N, C-alpha and C. Protein backbone atom coordinates (compact mmCIF):
# COMPACT_ATOMS: atom_id res chain seq x y z
N MET A 1 7.70 -26.46 14.17
CA MET A 1 7.29 -25.59 12.64
C MET A 1 6.66 -27.23 12.13
N THR A 2 5.98 -26.58 11.23
CA THR A 2 5.06 -27.69 10.64
C THR A 2 5.06 -27.32 8.81
N GLY A 3 4.71 -28.40 8.15
CA GLY A 3 4.84 -27.91 6.88
C GLY A 3 3.94 -27.04 6.14
N SER A 4 2.47 -27.07 7.16
CA SER A 4 1.40 -25.83 6.61
C SER A 4 1.98 -24.70 6.95
N GLY A 5 3.13 -24.32 8.05
CA GLY A 5 3.56 -23.16 8.50
C GLY A 5 4.58 -22.72 7.12
N LEU A 6 5.36 -23.70 7.24
CA LEU A 6 6.35 -23.48 5.96
C LEU A 6 5.85 -22.94 4.55
N VAL A 7 4.71 -23.61 4.11
CA VAL A 7 3.58 -23.13 2.75
C VAL A 7 3.45 -21.64 2.89
N ASP A 8 2.66 -21.87 4.37
CA ASP A 8 2.68 -19.94 4.66
C ASP A 8 3.53 -19.23 4.12
N PHE A 9 4.56 -19.25 5.14
CA PHE A 9 5.52 -18.69 4.95
C PHE A 9 6.30 -18.24 3.50
N LEU A 10 6.32 -19.18 2.57
CA LEU A 10 6.77 -19.23 1.36
C LEU A 10 5.50 -18.42 0.41
N ILE A 11 4.09 -18.58 0.39
CA ILE A 11 3.27 -17.96 0.23
C ILE A 11 3.69 -16.19 0.75
N GLY A 12 3.59 -15.88 2.07
CA GLY A 12 3.91 -14.61 2.13
C GLY A 12 5.19 -14.35 1.72
N LEU A 13 6.16 -14.82 1.77
CA LEU A 13 7.55 -14.32 0.83
C LEU A 13 7.56 -13.69 -0.22
N ILE A 14 6.71 -14.59 -0.94
CA ILE A 14 6.16 -14.30 -2.53
C ILE A 14 5.48 -13.28 -2.74
N VAL A 15 4.45 -12.89 -1.90
CA VAL A 15 3.41 -11.88 -1.98
C VAL A 15 4.23 -10.69 -1.36
N LEU A 16 5.36 -10.89 -0.12
CA LEU A 16 5.96 -9.36 0.28
C LEU A 16 6.66 -9.17 -1.19
N CYS A 17 7.82 -10.03 -1.63
CA CYS A 17 8.56 -9.51 -2.69
C CYS A 17 7.72 -8.63 -3.87
N ALA A 18 6.63 -9.54 -4.17
CA ALA A 18 5.61 -8.49 -5.30
C ALA A 18 5.32 -7.72 -5.13
N VAL A 19 4.73 -7.24 -3.62
CA VAL A 19 4.26 -5.92 -3.26
C VAL A 19 5.38 -4.95 -3.32
N VAL A 20 6.69 -5.52 -3.00
CA VAL A 20 7.78 -4.25 -2.63
C VAL A 20 8.29 -3.96 -4.25
N VAL A 21 7.94 -5.13 -5.28
CA VAL A 21 8.28 -5.04 -6.71
C VAL A 21 7.40 -3.77 -7.46
N MET A 22 6.29 -3.99 -6.81
CA MET A 22 5.11 -3.00 -7.23
C MET A 22 5.08 -1.68 -7.01
N VAL A 23 5.59 -1.50 -5.60
CA VAL A 23 5.80 -0.31 -4.99
C VAL A 23 6.66 0.34 -5.53
N PHE A 24 8.05 -0.37 -5.88
CA PHE A 24 9.16 0.34 -6.27
C PHE A 24 8.66 1.24 -7.93
N LYS A 25 7.89 0.38 -8.86
CA LYS A 25 7.99 0.44 -9.94
C LYS A 25 6.77 1.68 -10.03
N ALA A 26 5.93 1.81 -9.01
CA ALA A 26 5.04 2.86 -9.11
C ALA A 26 5.78 4.05 -8.27
N ILE A 27 6.37 3.77 -7.81
CA ILE A 27 7.25 5.06 -7.05
C ILE A 27 8.11 5.87 -8.19
N GLU A 28 8.42 5.00 -9.38
CA GLU A 28 9.61 5.62 -10.43
C GLU A 28 8.53 6.34 -10.92
N PHE A 29 7.13 5.67 -10.97
CA PHE A 29 6.25 6.37 -12.06
C PHE A 29 5.70 7.85 -11.82
N VAL A 30 5.72 8.14 -10.31
CA VAL A 30 5.01 9.20 -10.05
C VAL A 30 5.68 9.90 -9.31
N SER A 31 6.92 10.04 -8.57
CA SER A 31 7.89 10.11 -7.53
C SER A 31 8.11 12.09 -8.13
N PRO A 32 8.01 12.73 -7.65
CA PRO A 32 8.22 14.09 -8.01
C PRO A 32 9.62 14.91 -7.69
N ASP A 33 9.98 13.83 -6.75
CA ASP A 33 11.49 14.33 -6.68
C ASP A 33 12.84 13.28 -5.84
N ALA A 34 13.73 13.68 -6.18
CA ALA A 34 14.98 12.10 -5.88
C ALA A 34 14.42 12.06 -4.31
N ARG A 35 14.36 13.14 -3.62
CA ARG A 35 14.26 12.63 -2.14
C ARG A 35 13.13 11.86 -1.78
N PHE A 36 11.80 12.25 -2.28
CA PHE A 36 10.65 11.52 -2.06
C PHE A 36 10.67 10.17 -2.34
N THR A 37 11.28 9.77 -3.56
CA THR A 37 11.67 8.59 -4.17
C THR A 37 12.52 7.87 -2.77
N LEU A 38 13.43 8.62 -2.63
CA LEU A 38 14.38 7.92 -1.62
C LEU A 38 13.72 7.44 -0.28
N ILE A 39 13.06 8.58 0.23
CA ILE A 39 12.19 7.88 1.40
C ILE A 39 11.06 7.03 1.28
N ALA A 40 10.66 7.22 0.60
CA ALA A 40 9.60 6.12 0.01
C ALA A 40 10.05 4.70 -0.21
N ARG A 41 11.31 4.54 -0.80
CA ARG A 41 12.21 3.27 -0.87
C ARG A 41 12.66 2.47 0.43
N TRP A 42 12.94 3.79 0.83
CA TRP A 42 13.55 3.15 2.54
C TRP A 42 12.46 2.54 3.13
N ALA A 43 11.26 3.41 3.18
CA ALA A 43 10.14 3.26 4.36
C ALA A 43 9.37 1.55 3.75
N ILE A 44 9.27 1.48 2.44
CA ILE A 44 8.86 -0.08 1.86
C ILE A 44 10.00 -1.09 1.99
N GLY A 45 11.69 -0.76 2.04
CA GLY A 45 12.29 -1.82 2.44
C GLY A 45 12.21 -2.23 3.84
N VAL A 46 12.27 -1.03 4.64
CA VAL A 46 12.65 -1.50 5.95
C VAL A 46 11.01 -2.17 6.46
N VAL A 47 9.93 -1.74 5.80
CA VAL A 47 8.92 -2.20 6.33
C VAL A 47 8.96 -3.75 5.98
N ALA A 48 9.58 -4.22 4.78
CA ALA A 48 9.40 -5.27 4.36
C ALA A 48 10.49 -6.24 4.71
N VAL A 49 11.32 -6.00 5.22
CA VAL A 49 12.47 -6.73 6.27
C VAL A 49 11.56 -7.12 7.89
N ILE A 50 10.87 -5.67 7.96
CA ILE A 50 10.13 -6.05 9.28
C ILE A 50 9.08 -7.43 9.24
N ALA A 51 8.38 -7.25 7.85
CA ALA A 51 7.18 -8.32 7.76
C ALA A 51 8.24 -9.56 7.58
N LEU A 52 9.06 -9.40 6.81
CA LEU A 52 9.95 -10.68 7.13
C LEU A 52 10.43 -11.24 7.89
N LEU A 53 10.72 -10.43 9.21
CA LEU A 53 11.01 -11.33 10.52
C LEU A 53 10.01 -11.53 11.22
N VAL A 54 8.97 -10.80 11.09
CA VAL A 54 7.51 -11.09 11.68
C VAL A 54 7.26 -12.62 11.18
N ALA A 55 7.41 -12.85 9.66
CA ALA A 55 7.00 -14.09 9.23
C ALA A 55 7.92 -15.37 9.62
N VAL A 56 9.33 -14.90 9.72
CA VAL A 56 10.14 -15.97 10.23
C VAL A 56 9.71 -16.34 11.75
N LYS A 57 9.49 -15.28 12.29
CA LYS A 57 9.09 -15.56 13.50
C LYS A 57 7.93 -16.41 14.14
N GLY A 58 7.00 -16.16 13.16
CA GLY A 58 5.71 -16.84 13.29
C GLY A 58 5.78 -18.34 12.51
N VAL A 59 6.68 -18.72 11.85
CA VAL A 59 7.21 -19.85 11.49
C VAL A 59 8.19 -20.98 12.55
N LEU A 60 8.82 -20.24 13.43
CA LEU A 60 9.75 -20.51 14.02
C LEU A 60 9.06 -21.01 15.66
N PHE A 61 8.49 -19.99 15.93
CA PHE A 61 8.10 -19.89 17.33
C PHE A 61 6.35 -19.71 17.23
N GLY A 62 5.63 -19.38 16.47
CA GLY A 62 4.03 -19.11 16.69
C GLY A 62 3.15 -19.81 15.82
N GLY A 63 3.66 -20.54 15.00
CA GLY A 63 2.36 -21.20 13.86
C GLY A 63 2.85 -20.71 12.93
N ALA A 64 1.83 -20.21 12.25
CA ALA A 64 1.91 -19.74 10.69
C ALA A 64 2.61 -18.18 10.53
N MET A 65 1.73 -17.51 10.31
CA MET A 65 2.31 -16.08 9.95
C MET A 65 2.13 -15.25 10.99
N ALA A 66 1.60 -15.23 12.48
CA ALA A 66 1.96 -15.06 13.63
C ALA A 66 1.35 -13.20 13.63
N GLY A 67 0.16 -13.24 13.18
CA GLY A 67 -0.27 -11.59 12.74
C GLY A 67 -0.36 -10.98 11.55
N SER A 68 0.44 -11.63 10.32
CA SER A 68 0.34 -11.36 9.06
C SER A 68 -0.38 -11.78 8.16
N SER A 69 -0.91 -11.54 7.57
CA SER A 69 -2.03 -12.28 6.69
C SER A 69 -1.87 -11.84 4.96
N LEU A 70 -0.60 -12.17 4.46
CA LEU A 70 0.12 -12.24 3.43
C LEU A 70 -0.51 -13.15 2.33
N SER A 71 -1.34 -13.03 1.52
CA SER A 71 -1.62 -13.80 0.58
C SER A 71 -2.16 -13.77 -0.57
N GLY A 72 -2.60 -14.29 -1.73
CA GLY A 72 -2.84 -13.86 -2.91
C GLY A 72 -3.67 -12.64 -3.39
N SER A 73 -4.91 -13.41 -2.45
CA SER A 73 -5.93 -12.25 -2.47
C SER A 73 -5.46 -10.68 -1.85
N GLN A 74 -4.75 -10.83 -0.80
CA GLN A 74 -4.13 -9.57 -0.46
C GLN A 74 -3.25 -8.73 -1.54
N LEU A 75 -2.60 -9.65 -2.50
CA LEU A 75 -1.67 -9.20 -3.26
C LEU A 75 -2.94 -8.46 -4.52
N ILE A 76 -3.71 -9.12 -5.09
CA ILE A 76 -4.77 -8.92 -5.81
C ILE A 76 -5.46 -7.31 -5.03
N ASP A 77 -5.63 -7.17 -4.33
CA ASP A 77 -6.24 -5.90 -3.64
C ASP A 77 -5.25 -4.99 -3.60
N PHE A 78 -3.95 -4.95 -3.23
CA PHE A 78 -3.22 -4.19 -3.44
C PHE A 78 -2.74 -4.09 -4.77
N ALA A 79 -2.82 -4.69 -5.49
CA ALA A 79 -2.69 -4.37 -7.67
C ALA A 79 -3.87 -3.64 -7.68
N ILE A 80 -4.95 -3.88 -7.38
CA ILE A 80 -5.85 -2.91 -7.77
C ILE A 80 -6.09 -1.58 -7.41
N GLY A 81 -6.04 -1.34 -6.10
CA GLY A 81 -5.42 -0.12 -5.08
C GLY A 81 -4.43 0.61 -6.20
N LEU A 82 -3.43 -0.17 -6.23
CA LEU A 82 -2.39 0.65 -6.95
C LEU A 82 -2.78 0.86 -8.38
N ILE A 83 -3.48 0.30 -9.51
CA ILE A 83 -3.38 0.64 -10.60
C ILE A 83 -4.69 1.91 -10.61
N VAL A 84 -5.86 1.52 -9.43
CA VAL A 84 -6.95 2.97 -9.30
C VAL A 84 -5.93 4.36 -9.11
N LEU A 85 -5.12 4.04 -8.08
CA LEU A 85 -4.07 5.02 -7.66
C LEU A 85 -3.63 5.95 -9.18
N MET A 86 -2.65 4.85 -9.89
CA MET A 86 -1.92 5.38 -10.69
C MET A 86 -3.03 5.88 -11.98
N VAL A 87 -4.02 5.37 -12.37
CA VAL A 87 -4.88 6.03 -13.22
C VAL A 87 -5.39 7.29 -12.95
N VAL A 88 -5.59 7.69 -11.59
CA VAL A 88 -6.25 8.64 -11.09
C VAL A 88 -5.11 9.95 -11.17
N VAL A 89 -4.00 9.40 -11.00
CA VAL A 89 -3.08 10.34 -11.03
C VAL A 89 -2.75 10.64 -12.18
N TRP A 90 -2.70 9.87 -13.23
CA TRP A 90 -2.76 10.18 -14.78
C TRP A 90 -3.64 11.07 -15.40
N LEU A 91 -4.66 10.94 -14.93
CA LEU A 91 -5.94 11.39 -15.32
C LEU A 91 -5.78 13.28 -14.56
N ILE A 92 -5.10 13.21 -13.47
CA ILE A 92 -4.70 14.88 -13.04
C ILE A 92 -4.03 15.09 -13.72
N TYR A 93 -2.64 14.26 -13.88
CA TYR A 93 -1.48 14.94 -14.93
C TYR A 93 -1.99 15.84 -16.31
N THR A 94 -2.68 14.67 -16.75
CA THR A 94 -3.23 14.95 -18.54
C THR A 94 -4.34 16.04 -17.87
N ALA A 95 -5.26 16.32 -17.02
CA ALA A 95 -5.53 17.73 -16.87
C ALA A 95 -4.87 18.70 -17.00
N LEU A 96 -4.07 18.56 -16.00
CA LEU A 96 -3.34 19.79 -15.64
C LEU A 96 -2.45 20.10 -17.08
N ASP A 97 -1.91 19.08 -17.77
CA ASP A 97 -1.20 19.32 -18.86
C ASP A 97 -2.09 20.57 -20.04
N TYR A 98 -3.30 20.17 -20.09
CA TYR A 98 -4.34 20.31 -20.91
C TYR A 98 -4.69 21.74 -20.53
N MET A 99 -4.96 22.02 -19.09
CA MET A 99 -5.44 23.22 -18.31
C MET A 99 -4.72 23.86 -18.32
N ALA A 100 -3.37 23.77 -17.58
CA ALA A 100 -2.60 24.68 -17.07
C ALA A 100 -1.08 24.67 -17.98
N PRO A 101 -0.88 24.92 -19.46
CA PRO A 101 0.30 24.26 -19.90
C PRO A 101 1.52 25.39 -18.97
N SER A 102 1.25 26.49 -18.40
CA SER A 102 2.58 27.15 -17.91
C SER A 102 3.00 26.29 -16.83
N PRO A 103 4.51 26.33 -16.95
CA PRO A 103 5.22 25.42 -16.26
C PRO A 103 5.29 25.76 -14.68
N PRO A 104 5.76 27.05 -14.38
CA PRO A 104 5.23 26.93 -12.51
C PRO A 104 4.40 26.54 -12.13
N ILE A 105 2.96 26.64 -12.39
CA ILE A 105 1.54 26.03 -12.12
C ILE A 105 1.57 24.68 -12.08
N ASN A 106 1.97 24.17 -13.51
CA ASN A 106 1.88 22.51 -13.80
C ASN A 106 2.79 21.92 -12.96
N VAL A 107 3.92 22.26 -12.41
CA VAL A 107 4.93 21.56 -11.66
C VAL A 107 4.79 21.65 -10.46
N ALA A 108 4.11 23.01 -9.84
CA ALA A 108 4.00 22.84 -8.77
C ALA A 108 2.59 22.09 -8.32
N VAL A 109 1.63 21.88 -8.99
CA VAL A 109 0.34 20.89 -8.75
C VAL A 109 0.69 19.44 -8.64
N LYS A 110 1.42 19.24 -9.99
CA LYS A 110 2.14 18.15 -10.21
C LYS A 110 2.91 17.57 -8.66
N TYR A 111 3.73 18.21 -8.22
CA TYR A 111 4.56 18.26 -7.27
C TYR A 111 3.79 17.91 -5.93
N VAL A 112 2.48 18.48 -5.42
CA VAL A 112 1.91 18.22 -4.63
C VAL A 112 1.20 17.13 -4.74
N VAL A 113 0.63 17.10 -6.25
CA VAL A 113 -0.45 15.52 -6.22
C VAL A 113 0.88 14.40 -6.19
N GLY A 114 1.84 14.29 -6.68
CA GLY A 114 2.87 13.24 -6.65
C GLY A 114 3.34 13.05 -5.10
N ALA A 115 3.39 13.93 -4.32
CA ALA A 115 3.75 13.71 -2.75
C ALA A 115 2.15 12.98 -2.25
N LEU A 116 1.19 13.27 -2.63
CA LEU A 116 -0.21 12.79 -1.74
C LEU A 116 -0.19 11.36 -2.57
N PHE A 117 0.07 11.11 -3.87
CA PHE A 117 0.39 9.80 -4.36
C PHE A 117 1.07 8.74 -3.24
N LEU A 118 2.21 9.02 -3.47
CA LEU A 118 3.34 8.81 -2.47
C LEU A 118 2.64 8.18 -0.74
N ILE A 119 2.13 9.05 -0.54
CA ILE A 119 1.37 8.98 0.65
C ILE A 119 0.21 7.87 0.89
N ALA A 120 -0.34 8.05 -0.32
CA ALA A 120 -1.42 7.14 -0.27
C ALA A 120 -1.00 5.41 -0.63
N LEU A 121 0.31 5.75 -1.36
CA LEU A 121 0.69 4.17 -1.84
C LEU A 121 1.26 3.42 -0.40
N LEU A 122 1.72 4.58 0.14
CA LEU A 122 2.44 4.32 1.57
C LEU A 122 1.58 3.22 2.45
N VAL A 123 0.13 4.03 2.53
CA VAL A 123 -1.17 3.64 3.37
C VAL A 123 -1.40 2.21 2.83
N LEU A 124 -1.45 2.31 1.57
CA LEU A 124 -1.90 0.99 0.72
C LEU A 124 -1.21 -0.16 1.31
N ALA A 125 0.07 0.19 1.05
CA ALA A 125 1.34 -0.90 1.30
C ALA A 125 1.21 -1.45 2.76
N LYS A 126 1.00 -0.42 3.68
CA LYS A 126 0.93 -0.67 5.10
C LYS A 126 -0.55 -1.85 5.50
N GLN A 127 -1.38 -1.26 4.73
CA GLN A 127 -2.70 -2.03 4.78
C GLN A 127 -2.44 -3.58 4.75
N VAL A 128 -1.89 -3.53 3.36
CA VAL A 128 -1.63 -4.91 3.01
C VAL A 128 -0.57 -5.81 3.58
N LEU A 129 0.56 -5.40 4.04
CA LEU A 129 1.69 -5.73 4.90
C LEU A 129 1.34 -5.85 6.37
N PHE A 130 0.72 -5.44 6.55
CA PHE A 130 0.07 -5.29 8.43
C PHE A 130 -1.10 -4.93 8.90
N GLY A 131 -2.06 -4.57 8.29
CA GLY A 131 -3.36 -4.37 8.55
C GLY A 131 -4.35 -5.35 8.05
N GLY A 132 -3.81 -6.65 7.93
CA GLY A 132 -5.14 -7.62 7.54
C GLY A 132 -5.62 -7.33 6.22
N GLY A 133 -5.42 -6.31 5.53
CA GLY A 133 -6.04 -6.15 4.48
C GLY A 133 -6.26 -4.73 3.97
N ILE A 134 -6.77 -4.57 2.83
CA ILE A 134 -7.18 -3.19 2.26
C ILE A 134 -9.03 -3.21 2.86
N GLN A 135 -9.61 -2.67 4.18
CA GLN A 135 -10.75 -2.53 4.64
C GLN A 135 -10.94 -1.19 4.46
N LEU A 136 -12.65 -0.94 3.75
CA LEU A 136 -12.95 0.46 3.61
C LEU A 136 -13.94 0.67 4.81
N GLY A 137 -14.20 -0.28 5.53
CA GLY A 137 -15.16 -0.01 6.46
C GLY A 137 -16.04 -1.12 6.17
N SER A 138 -17.66 -1.24 6.96
CA SER A 138 -18.53 -1.99 6.57
C SER A 138 -19.94 -1.38 7.07
N PHE A 139 -20.83 -1.63 6.08
CA PHE A 139 -22.12 -0.75 6.60
C PHE A 139 -22.63 -1.23 8.01
N ARG A 140 -22.45 -2.23 8.83
CA ARG A 140 -22.61 -2.81 10.22
C ARG A 140 -21.99 -1.56 11.14
N GLN A 141 -20.64 -1.24 10.67
CA GLN A 141 -19.87 -0.39 11.72
C GLN A 141 -20.63 1.15 11.41
N HIS A 142 -20.51 1.65 10.69
CA HIS A 142 -21.23 3.19 10.40
C HIS A 142 -22.37 2.77 10.85
N SER A 143 -23.48 2.16 10.62
CA SER A 143 -24.90 2.20 10.90
C SER A 143 -25.01 2.24 12.60
N GLU A 144 -23.97 1.48 13.10
CA GLU A 144 -23.75 1.15 14.76
C GLU A 144 -23.66 2.77 15.10
N ILE A 145 -22.48 3.12 14.46
CA ILE A 145 -22.23 4.61 14.80
C ILE A 145 -23.14 5.77 14.74
N PHE A 146 -24.07 5.23 13.52
CA PHE A 146 -25.26 6.42 13.30
C PHE A 146 -26.51 6.10 14.54
N ILE A 147 -26.82 4.83 14.89
CA ILE A 147 -27.62 4.58 15.64
C ILE A 147 -27.43 5.05 16.71
N GLY A 148 -26.35 4.64 17.52
CA GLY A 148 -25.86 5.37 18.86
C GLY A 148 -25.80 6.85 18.70
N TYR A 149 -25.36 7.39 17.86
CA TYR A 149 -25.60 8.91 17.85
C TYR A 149 -27.15 9.42 17.61
N ALA A 150 -27.94 8.80 16.79
CA ALA A 150 -29.52 8.86 16.68
C ALA A 150 -30.21 8.77 17.92
N LEU A 151 -29.72 7.95 18.72
CA LEU A 151 -30.33 7.58 20.15
C LEU A 151 -29.75 8.52 21.43
N ALA A 152 -28.98 9.40 21.12
CA ALA A 152 -28.47 9.91 22.07
C ALA A 152 -28.76 11.13 22.23
């Protein structure tokens, strides 16, 4: 174990804790049902433990973080994505309250929107913790696909 590996581990641990806290707070904000809250919290909790074990393995047996790239920039990317998701959900909820004030329709649509938000939140957390960041693709990848399709 090197000093650099230990510092990388500590940075990753701080980012991991911050991501878990932010996800838990976001789940409280929008979860339409207690069951959804429980499922999302368990998923994030187990993923956090796995990410911690991968980080410990990387420090003890394989250099730095061994495949995990938890950094400050990852935390910022996650926070930006989380804020965007929460604003979109808030706007949808506000529009629903204005356009459909009757409880059955309003509650049903908010339930579905809340479930979709939780799915997007879990995908966002997965990308930060294990996917190497939030990547929306690049022009080069799309242009290669298009060129290959156009030439065929």
